[in-house]
């Protein structure tokens, strides 16, 4: 994967995460909070799907777990770091 591809995926998702951070959170059980959480997961899932597709592992049953590990170990505020972790880990499932 080229550095330009990595930047494109990270930039696209980073804009969405920044928008998410501006949404009101409200009380833990409030409708606003539930909406914010569902939007966060939608954005994260879209980012994950873009990463898996870029590495050509969408059909690999271990790809989502591999991404989850990269997400947990990478700085969630820096999506390039998550992609770099995934790039290292994906070799284990190929």
Protein backbone atom coordinates (compact mmCIF):
# COMPACT_ATOMS: atom_id res chain seq x y z
CA UNK A 1 0.00 0.00 0.00
CA UNK A 2 1.42 3.36 -0.97
CA UNK A 3 1.83 6.25 1.47
CA UNK A 4 -0.70 8.23 -0.59
CA UNK A 5 -3.29 5.46 -0.12
CA UNK A 6 -2.67 5.47 3.62
CA UNK A 7 -3.05 9.25 3.82
CA UNK A 8 -6.25 9.20 1.76
CA UNK A 9 -7.92 6.60 3.99
CA UNK A 10 -6.78 8.31 7.19
CA UNK A 11 -7.76 11.80 6.00
CA UNK A 12 -11.21 10.66 4.90
CA UNK A 13 -11.95 9.01 8.23
CA UNK A 14 -10.20 11.68 10.31
CA UNK A 15 -12.61 14.31 9.00
CA UNK A 16 -15.53 12.13 10.05
CA UNK A 17 -14.04 11.51 13.53
CA UNK A 18 -13.48 15.26 14.01
CA UNK A 19 -17.11 15.88 13.09
CA UNK A 20 -18.15 13.19 15.57
CA UNK A 21 -16.16 14.89 18.35
CA UNK A 22 -18.22 18.08 17.88
CA UNK A 23 -21.52 16.29 18.54
CA UNK A 24 -23.11 16.76 21.97
CA UNK A 25 -22.77 13.81 24.32
CA UNK A 26 -25.45 14.49 26.92
CA UNK A 27 -26.22 12.03 29.69
CA UNK A 28 -25.07 8.41 29.26
CA UNK A 29 -28.59 7.13 28.52
CA UNK A 30 -29.75 10.13 26.52
CA UNK A 31 -30.88 9.89 22.91
CA UNK A 32 -28.07 12.30 21.95
CA UNK A 33 -25.44 10.03 23.51
CA UNK A 34 -26.87 6.92 21.87
CA UNK A 35 -26.87 8.71 18.52
CA UNK A 36 -23.27 9.88 19.02
CA UNK A 37 -22.13 6.39 19.92
CA UNK A 38 -23.85 4.84 16.93
CA UNK A 39 -22.30 7.50 14.66
CA UNK A 40 -18.87 6.80 16.14
CA UNK A 41 -19.22 3.07 15.45
CA UNK A 42 -20.51 3.73 11.93
CA UNK A 43 -17.47 5.89 11.16
CA UNK A 44 -15.08 3.36 12.73
CA UNK A 45 -16.66 0.49 10.79
CA UNK A 46 -16.39 2.44 7.54
CA UNK A 47 -12.72 3.16 8.28
CA UNK A 48 -12.16 -0.55 9.07
CA UNK A 49 -13.84 -1.61 5.83
CA UNK A 50 -11.68 0.82 3.83
CA UNK A 51 -8.51 -0.52 5.46
CA UNK A 52 -9.47 -4.17 4.91
CA UNK A 53 -10.33 -3.50 1.28
CA UNK A 54 -7.09 -1.62 0.69
CA UNK A 55 -5.09 -4.59 1.96
CA UNK A 56 -7.23 -7.10 0.07
CA UNK A 57 -8.30 -9.09 3.13
CA UNK A 58 -12.04 -8.43 3.30
CA UNK A 59 -12.84 -12.12 2.88
CA UNK A 60 -10.32 -13.29 5.48
CA UNK A 61 -12.20 -14.38 8.62
CA UNK A 62 -9.39 -13.08 10.87
CA UNK A 63 -9.16 -9.64 9.25
CA UNK A 64 -11.61 -7.90 11.59
CA UNK A 65 -9.83 -9.27 14.67
CA UNK A 66 -6.51 -8.14 13.18
CA UNK A 67 -7.94 -4.64 12.70
CA UNK A 68 -9.31 -4.61 16.26
CA UNK A 69 -5.84 -5.38 17.62
CA UNK A 70 -4.33 -2.61 15.48
CA UNK A 71 -7.05 -0.23 16.72
CA UNK A 72 -6.40 -1.11 20.36
CA UNK A 73 -2.63 -0.75 20.04
CA UNK A 74 -2.60 2.26 17.75
CA UNK A 75 -3.33 5.75 18.93
CA UNK A 76 -7.01 6.11 18.13
CA UNK A 77 -6.51 9.80 17.53
CA UNK A 78 -3.91 9.10 14.83
CA UNK A 79 -5.42 6.88 12.18
CA UNK A 80 -2.14 6.54 10.27
CA UNK A 81 -0.72 4.74 13.32
CA UNK A 82 -3.66 2.32 13.31
CA UNK A 83 -3.04 1.60 9.62
CA UNK A 84 0.67 1.10 10.24
CA UNK A 85 -0.06 -1.40 13.03
CA UNK A 86 -2.52 -3.18 10.75
CA UNK A 87 0.06 -3.30 7.97
CA UNK A 88 2.42 -5.18 10.31
CA UNK A 89 -0.25 -7.50 11.73
CA UNK A 90 -1.94 -8.37 8.44
CA UNK A 91 1.10 -10.42 7.43
CA UNK A 92 0.17 -12.90 10.17
CA UNK A 93 -3.13 -13.75 8.48
CA UNK A 94 -2.06 -13.90 4.86
